[in-house]
Amino acid sequence: MKMRKTKREQTSSTSFIVDSIIDDPTVADLHRRQLSRTYMDPQLYAAAVEGNIEPFKDNAIEFESIVTPNKDTILHINIRSRNRSTNFVEYILGRCPLLFRQPNVNDETPLHVAAKCGHSDIVKVLIKSSAKTQQIDLESGIRFIGMTNNEGDTALHIAVRFDHLDVVKILTGEDPDFSYSSNRRGETPLYIAAAKKKKIL
């Protein structure tokens, strides 16, 4: 006969699990960062759109904690805007080097966004920045350039899909093997190029 736990025993068990998680410094730090995240101030949002560095100077806020409801960072926002700026991206990465690999709600990194928009100049800056820091994603062991969104697409999948040849050349030059990685639909960048009947790769 299976004995049911008393309320005191259940509470004690739950407390033990929670305490164990909190004692893990890695989990605790991640939890702290999640709790500290705040939606972006409208003035900072506007500055990111305009590529205006001034409001971010002498700003004590951790840039990785400033996100939109879709978890876009100031890099995502600037790269999508008409006023995208390599100077802005370089400055922000100089202040917060790991922001280059922070994904939004769709698991898109700034590199995914730059590839979709065809901004080869920004792609170069992001890759250069990643080379100065750690290019390996600590959890998955995947290099930054091979990080995937929620569809399993790398930046190369996206660049091929949107016919951005300059970006394709940069990405394949970094690592030719990514031409053959599959997304969740089983598509490789080479397959996408063939389906579009374009000789991109």
C-alpha atoms as a PDB file:
ATOM      1  CA  MET A   1       0.000   0.000   0.000  1.00  0.00           C
ATOM      2  CA  LYS A   2       1.446   3.358  -1.052  1.00  0.00           C
ATOM      3  CA  MET A   3       1.729   5.812   1.835  1.00  0.00           C
ATOM      4  CA  ARG A   4       0.874   9.437   1.135  1.00  0.00           C
ATOM      5  CA  LYS A   5       3.301  12.076   2.310  1.00  0.00           C
ATOM      6  CA  THR A   6       2.117  14.389   5.007  1.00  0.00           C
ATOM      7  CA  LYS A   7       1.905  18.100   4.262  1.00  0.00           C
ATOM      8  CA  ARG A   8       4.972  18.681   6.471  1.00  0.00           C
ATOM      9  CA  GLU A   9       6.973  16.053   4.558  1.00  0.00           C
ATOM     10  CA  GLN A  10       5.957  17.520   1.173  1.00  0.00           C
ATOM     11  CA  THR A  11       6.922  21.015   2.296  1.00  0.00           C
ATOM     12  CA  SER A  12      10.246  19.778   3.638  1.00  0.00           C
ATOM     13  CA  SER A  13      10.994  17.914   0.385  1.00  0.00           C
ATOM     14  CA  THR A  14      10.132  20.930  -1.753  1.00  0.00           C
ATOM     15  CA  SER A  15      12.219  23.194   0.454  1.00  0.00           C
ATOM     16  CA  PHE A  16      15.201  20.865   0.081  1.00  0.00           C
ATOM     17  CA  ILE A  17      14.935  20.943  -3.736  1.00  0.00           C
ATOM     18  CA  VAL A  18      14.638  24.730  -3.845  1.00  0.00           C
ATOM     19  CA  ASP A  19      17.547  25.165  -1.448  1.00  0.00           C
ATOM     20  CA  SER A  20      19.679  22.803  -3.550  1.00  0.00           C
ATOM     21  CA  ILE A  21      18.948  24.784  -6.706  1.00  0.00           C
ATOM     22  CA  ILE A  22      19.711  28.105  -5.053  1.00  0.00           C
ATOM     23  CA  ASP A  23      22.995  26.706  -3.721  1.00  0.00           C
ATOM     24  CA  ASP A  24      24.129  26.049  -7.304  1.00  0.00           C
ATOM     25  CA  PRO A  25      26.025  29.259  -8.232  1.00  0.00           C
ATOM     26  CA  THR A  26      25.333  28.801 -11.960  1.00  0.00           C
ATOM     27  CA  VAL A  27      21.587  28.462 -11.485  1.00  0.00           C
ATOM     28  CA  ALA A  28      21.543  31.206  -8.881  1.00  0.00           C
ATOM     29  CA  ASP A  29      23.311  33.655 -11.223  1.00  0.00           C
ATOM     30  CA  LEU A  30      20.932  32.815 -14.082  1.00  0.00           C
ATOM     31  CA  HIS A  31      17.961  33.271 -11.741  1.00  0.00           C
ATOM     32  CA  ARG A  32      19.342  36.636 -10.610  1.00  0.00           C
ATOM     33  CA  ARG A  33      19.734  37.852 -14.194  1.00  0.00           C
ATOM     34  CA  GLN A  34      16.199  36.750 -15.105  1.00  0.00           C
ATOM     35  CA  LEU A  35      14.731  38.540 -12.110  1.00  0.00           C
ATOM     36  CA  SER A  36      16.750  41.674 -12.852  1.00  0.00           C
ATOM     37  CA  ARG A  37      15.504  41.942 -16.438  1.00  0.00           C
ATOM     38  CA  THR A  38      13.338  44.939 -17.104  1.00  0.00           C
ATOM     39  CA  TYR A  39      11.460  46.172 -20.130  1.00  0.00           C
ATOM     40  CA  MET A  40      13.332  48.798 -22.068  1.00  0.00           C
ATOM     41  CA  ASP A  41      12.911  52.463 -21.270  1.00  0.00           C
ATOM     42  CA  PRO A  42      11.306  54.275 -24.252  1.00  0.00           C
ATOM     43  CA  GLN A  43      14.217  56.726 -24.443  1.00  0.00           C
ATOM     44  CA  LEU A  44      16.752  53.903 -24.632  1.00  0.00           C
ATOM     45  CA  TYR A  45      14.611  52.147 -27.238  1.00  0.00           C
ATOM     46  CA  ALA A  46      14.532  55.303 -29.360  1.00  0.00           C
ATOM     47  CA  ALA A  47      18.290  55.734 -28.931  1.00  0.00           C
ATOM     48  CA  ALA A  48      18.887  52.147 -30.095  1.00  0.00           C
ATOM     49  CA  VAL A  49      16.692  52.733 -33.169  1.00  0.00           C
ATOM     50  CA  GLU A  50      18.589  55.906 -33.998  1.00  0.00           C
ATOM     51  CA  GLY A  51      22.004  54.424 -33.263  1.00  0.00           C
ATOM     52  CA  ASN A  52      22.561  57.117 -30.641  1.00  0.00           C
ATOM     53  CA  ILE A  53      25.315  56.085 -28.210  1.00  0.00           C
ATOM     54  CA  GLU A  54      25.039  59.054 -25.809  1.00  0.00           C
ATOM     55  CA  PRO A  55      22.195  57.757 -23.553  1.00  0.00           C
ATOM     56  CA  PHE A  56      24.165  54.545 -22.978  1.00  0.00           C
ATOM     57  CA  LYS A  57      27.335  56.284 -21.843  1.00  0.00           C
ATOM     58  CA  ASP A  58      27.891  56.250 -18.078  1.00  0.00           C
ATOM     59  CA  ASN A  59      24.777  54.085 -17.780  1.00  0.00           C
ATOM     60  CA  ALA A  60      25.172  51.645 -14.889  1.00  0.00           C
ATOM     61  CA  ILE A  61      22.419  49.289 -16.084  1.00  0.00           C
ATOM     62  CA  GLU A  62      23.583  45.899 -17.349  1.00  0.00           C
ATOM     63  CA  PHE A  63      22.805  45.966 -21.070  1.00  0.00           C
ATOM     64  CA  GLU A  64      21.800  42.290 -21.146  1.00  0.00           C
ATOM     65  CA  SER A  65      18.983  43.083 -18.720  1.00  0.00           C
ATOM     66  CA  ILE A  66      17.436  45.755 -20.974  1.00  0.00           C
ATOM     67  CA  VAL A  67      15.001  43.981 -23.274  1.00  0.00           C
ATOM     68  CA  THR A  68      11.657  44.462 -25.019  1.00  0.00           C
ATOM     69  CA  PRO A  69       8.664  42.191 -24.254  1.00  0.00           C
ATOM     70  CA  ASN A  70       9.973  39.987 -27.105  1.00  0.00           C
ATOM     71  CA  LYS A  71      13.383  39.912 -25.377  1.00  0.00           C
ATOM     72  CA  ASP A  72      15.027  41.934 -28.144  1.00  0.00           C
ATOM     73  CA  THR A  73      18.194  43.597 -26.897  1.00  0.00           C
ATOM     74  CA  ILE A  74      19.445  47.002 -27.971  1.00  0.00           C
ATOM     75  CA  LEU A  75      21.547  45.207 -30.596  1.00  0.00           C
ATOM     76  CA  HIS A  76      18.513  43.455 -32.129  1.00  0.00           C
ATOM     77  CA  ILE A  77      16.716  46.798 -32.298  1.00  0.00           C
ATOM     78  CA  ASN A  78      19.551  48.776 -33.875  1.00  0.00           C
ATOM     79  CA  ILE A  79      20.382  46.096 -36.436  1.00  0.00           C
ATOM     80  CA  ARG A  80      16.747  46.009 -37.620  1.00  0.00           C
ATOM     81  CA  SER A  81      16.486  49.776 -37.905  1.00  0.00           C
ATOM     82  CA  ARG A  82      17.221  51.919 -40.938  1.00  0.00           C
ATOM     83  CA  ASN A  83      19.762  53.760 -38.815  1.00  0.00           C
ATOM     84  CA  ARG A  84      21.832  50.672 -38.054  1.00  0.00           C
ATOM     85  CA  SER A  85      25.351  51.599 -37.123  1.00  0.00           C
ATOM     86  CA  THR A  86      28.546  49.582 -36.885  1.00  0.00           C
ATOM     87  CA  ASN A  87      29.818  52.249 -34.465  1.00  0.00           C
ATOM     88  CA  PHE A  88      26.801  51.694 -32.219  1.00  0.00           C
ATOM     89  CA  VAL A  89      27.187  47.906 -32.319  1.00  0.00           C
ATOM     90  CA  GLU A  90      30.925  48.116 -31.628  1.00  0.00           C
ATOM     91  CA  TYR A  91      30.397  50.477 -28.694  1.00  0.00           C
ATOM     92  CA  ILE A  92      27.702  48.319 -27.098  1.00  0.00           C
ATOM     93  CA  LEU A  93      29.798  45.174 -27.536  1.00  0.00           C
ATOM     94  CA  GLY A  94      32.748  46.986 -26.038  1.00  0.00           C
ATOM     95  CA  ARG A  95      30.655  47.600 -22.921  1.00  0.00           C
ATOM     96  CA  CYS A  96      28.907  44.223 -22.904  1.00  0.00           C
ATOM     97  CA  PRO A  97      30.940  41.692 -24.969  1.00  0.00           C
ATOM     98  CA  LEU A  98      28.585  38.708 -24.546  1.00  0.00           C
ATOM     99  CA  LEU A  99      25.522  40.559 -25.821  1.00  0.00           C
ATOM    100  CA  PHE A 100      26.352  39.312 -29.330  1.00  0.00           C
ATOM    101  CA  ARG A 101      24.972  35.861 -28.480  1.00  0.00           C
ATOM    102  CA  GLN A 102      21.919  36.811 -26.407  1.00  0.00           C
ATOM    103  CA  PRO A 103      18.737  35.495 -28.115  1.00  0.00           C
ATOM    104  CA  ASN A 104      15.259  36.998 -28.193  1.00  0.00           C
ATOM    105  CA  VAL A 105      11.981  35.146 -27.636  1.00  0.00           C
ATOM    106  CA  ASN A 106      12.425  33.377 -31.010  1.00  0.00           C
ATOM    107  CA  ASP A 107      15.984  32.345 -30.115  1.00  0.00           C
ATOM    108  CA  GLU A 108      17.317  34.781 -32.707  1.00  0.00           C
ATOM    109  CA  THR A 109      20.726  36.236 -31.926  1.00  0.00           C
ATOM    110  CA  PRO A 110      21.794  39.610 -33.333  1.00  0.00           C
ATOM    111  CA  LEU A 111      23.614  37.604 -36.022  1.00  0.00           C
ATOM    112  CA  HIS A 112      20.323  36.037 -37.171  1.00  0.00           C
ATOM    113  CA  VAL A 113      18.817  39.513 -37.471  1.00  0.00           C
ATOM    114  CA  ALA A 114      21.821  40.898 -39.375  1.00  0.00           C
ATOM    115  CA  ALA A 115      21.727  37.914 -41.744  1.00  0.00           C
ATOM    116  CA  LYS A 116      17.998  38.386 -42.394  1.00  0.00           C
ATOM    117  CA  CYS A 117      18.457  42.087 -43.117  1.00  0.00           C
ATOM    118  CA  GLY A 118      21.506  41.467 -45.283  1.00  0.00           C
ATOM    119  CA  HIS A 119      23.756  43.733 -43.226  1.00  0.00           C
ATOM    120  CA  SER A 120      27.154  42.303 -44.125  1.00  0.00           C
ATOM    121  CA  ASP A 121      28.958  45.126 -42.286  1.00  0.00           C
ATOM    122  CA  ILE A 122      27.206  44.239 -39.026  1.00  0.00           C
ATOM    123  CA  VAL A 123      27.826  40.526 -39.595  1.00  0.00           C
ATOM    124  CA  LYS A 124      31.563  41.243 -39.801  1.00  0.00           C
ATOM    125  CA  VAL A 125      31.479  43.246 -36.568  1.00  0.00           C
ATOM    126  CA  LEU A 126      29.603  40.507 -34.703  1.00  0.00           C
ATOM    127  CA  ILE A 127      31.972  37.788 -35.888  1.00  0.00           C
ATOM    128  CA  LYS A 128      34.988  39.917 -35.006  1.00  0.00           C
ATOM    129  CA  SER A 129      33.556  40.506 -31.542  1.00  0.00           C
ATOM    130  CA  SER A 130      32.880  36.806 -31.016  1.00  0.00           C
ATOM    131  CA  ALA A 131      36.499  36.055 -31.880  1.00  0.00           C
ATOM    132  CA  LYS A 132      37.636  38.297 -29.033  1.00  0.00           C
ATOM    133  CA  THR A 133      35.520  36.436 -26.519  1.00  0.00           C
ATOM    134  CA  GLN A 134      34.393  32.862 -26.161  1.00  0.00           C
ATOM    135  CA  GLN A 135      32.865  31.532 -29.378  1.00  0.00           C
ATOM    136  CA  ILE A 136      31.529  28.338 -27.800  1.00  0.00           C
ATOM    137  CA  ASP A 137      28.067  28.280 -26.239  1.00  0.00           C
ATOM    138  CA  LEU A 138      28.762  26.881 -22.778  1.00  0.00           C
ATOM    139  CA  GLU A 139      25.564  24.807 -22.551  1.00  0.00           C
ATOM    140  CA  SER A 140      25.401  23.242 -26.000  1.00  0.00           C
ATOM    141  CA  GLY A 141      29.036  23.388 -27.093  1.00  0.00           C
ATOM    142  CA  ILE A 142      27.982  25.067 -30.352  1.00  0.00           C
ATOM    143  CA  ARG A 143      30.024  27.881 -31.837  1.00  0.00           C
ATOM    144  CA  PHE A 144      28.339  31.268 -31.926  1.00  0.00           C
ATOM    145  CA  ILE A 145      28.130  31.252 -35.713  1.00  0.00           C
ATOM    146  CA  GLY A 146      26.197  27.969 -35.591  1.00  0.00           C
ATOM    147  CA  MET A 147      23.609  28.982 -32.984  1.00  0.00           C
ATOM    148  CA  THR A 148      20.057  28.235 -34.101  1.00  0.00           C
ATOM    149  CA  ASN A 149      16.696  29.951 -33.656  1.00  0.00           C
ATOM    150  CA  ASN A 150      13.478  28.174 -32.661  1.00  0.00           C
ATOM    151  CA  GLU A 151      13.155  26.848 -36.225  1.00  0.00           C
ATOM    152  CA  GLY A 152      16.622  25.330 -36.108  1.00  0.00           C
ATOM    153  CA  ASP A 153      17.938  27.897 -38.593  1.00  0.00           C
ATOM    154  CA  THR A 154      21.493  29.171 -38.394  1.00  0.00           C
ATOM    155  CA  ALA A 155      22.344  32.622 -39.704  1.00  0.00           C
ATOM    156  CA  LEU A 156      23.470  30.907 -42.913  1.00  0.00           C
ATOM    157  CA  HIS A 157      20.042  29.316 -43.472  1.00  0.00           C
ATOM    158  CA  ILE A 158      18.509  32.763 -43.194  1.00  0.00           C
ATOM    159  CA  ALA A 159      21.038  34.524 -45.415  1.00  0.00           C
ATOM    160  CA  VAL A 160      20.477  31.933 -48.164  1.00  0.00           C
ATOM    161  CA  ARG A 161      16.687  32.128 -47.797  1.00  0.00           C
ATOM    162  CA  PHE A 162      16.727  35.906 -48.243  1.00  0.00           C
ATOM    163  CA  ASP A 163      19.316  35.875 -51.056  1.00  0.00           C
ATOM    164  CA  HIS A 164      21.962  37.883 -49.210  1.00  0.00           C
ATOM    165  CA  LEU A 165      25.021  36.676 -51.107  1.00  0.00           C
ATOM    166  CA  ASP A 166      27.525  38.935 -49.314  1.00  0.00           C
ATOM    167  CA  VAL A 167      26.449  37.559 -45.941  1.00  0.00           C
ATOM    168  CA  VAL A 168      26.541  33.985 -47.273  1.00  0.00           C
ATOM    169  CA  LYS A 169      30.146  34.468 -48.417  1.00  0.00           C
ATOM    170  CA  ILE A 170      31.180  35.817 -45.005  1.00  0.00           C
ATOM    171  CA  LEU A 171      29.522  32.992 -43.071  1.00  0.00           C
ATOM    172  CA  THR A 172      30.741  30.176 -45.302  1.00  0.00           C
ATOM    173  CA  GLY A 173      34.205  31.692 -45.172  1.00  0.00           C
ATOM    174  CA  GLU A 174      34.107  31.378 -41.386  1.00  0.00           C
ATOM    175  CA  ASP A 175      33.134  27.697 -41.440  1.00  0.00           C
ATOM    176  CA  PRO A 176      32.197  25.892 -44.697  1.00  0.00           C
ATOM    177  CA  ASP A 177      30.694  22.960 -42.756  1.00  0.00           C
ATOM    178  CA  PHE A 178      27.670  25.025 -41.773  1.00  0.00           C
ATOM    179  CA  SER A 179      26.460  24.775 -45.376  1.00  0.00           C
ATOM    180  CA  TYR A 180      25.377  21.240 -44.528  1.00  0.00           C
ATOM    181  CA  SER A 181      23.703  21.662 -41.117  1.00  0.00           C
ATOM    182  CA  SER A 182      19.943  20.895 -41.062  1.00  0.00           C
ATOM    183  CA  ASN A 183      17.154  22.882 -39.449  1.00  0.00           C
ATOM    184  CA  ARG A 184      14.062  21.339 -37.846  1.00  0.00           C
ATOM    185  CA  ARG A 185      12.470  20.809 -41.267  1.00  0.00           C
ATOM    186  CA  GLY A 186      15.534  18.882 -42.375  1.00  0.00           C
ATOM    187  CA  GLU A 187      16.659  21.683 -44.691  1.00  0.00           C
ATOM    188  CA  THR A 188      20.311  22.560 -45.162  1.00  0.00           C
ATOM    189  CA  PRO A 189      21.346  25.931 -46.573  1.00  0.00           C
ATOM    190  CA  LEU A 190      22.403  24.059 -49.718  1.00  0.00           C
ATOM    191  CA  TYR A 191      18.941  22.506 -50.021  1.00  0.00           C
ATOM    192  CA  ILE A 192      17.304  25.948 -49.636  1.00  0.00           C
ATOM    193  CA  ALA A 193      19.555  27.363 -52.352  1.00  0.00           C
ATOM    194  CA  ALA A 194      18.712  24.464 -54.676  1.00  0.00           C
ATOM    195  CA  ALA A 195      14.981  24.870 -54.043  1.00  0.00           C
ATOM    196  CA  LYS A 196      15.255  28.539 -54.974  1.00  0.00           C
ATOM    197  CA  LYS A 197      17.182  27.492 -58.104  1.00  0.00           C
ATOM    198  CA  LYS A 198      19.964  29.893 -57.262  1.00  0.00           C
ATOM    199  CA  LYS A 199      23.661  29.167 -57.181  1.00  0.00           C
ATOM    200  CA  ILE A 200      24.462  30.813 -53.873  1.00  0.00           C
ATOM    201  CA  LEU A 201      26.599  28.106 -52.292  1.00  0.00           C
END
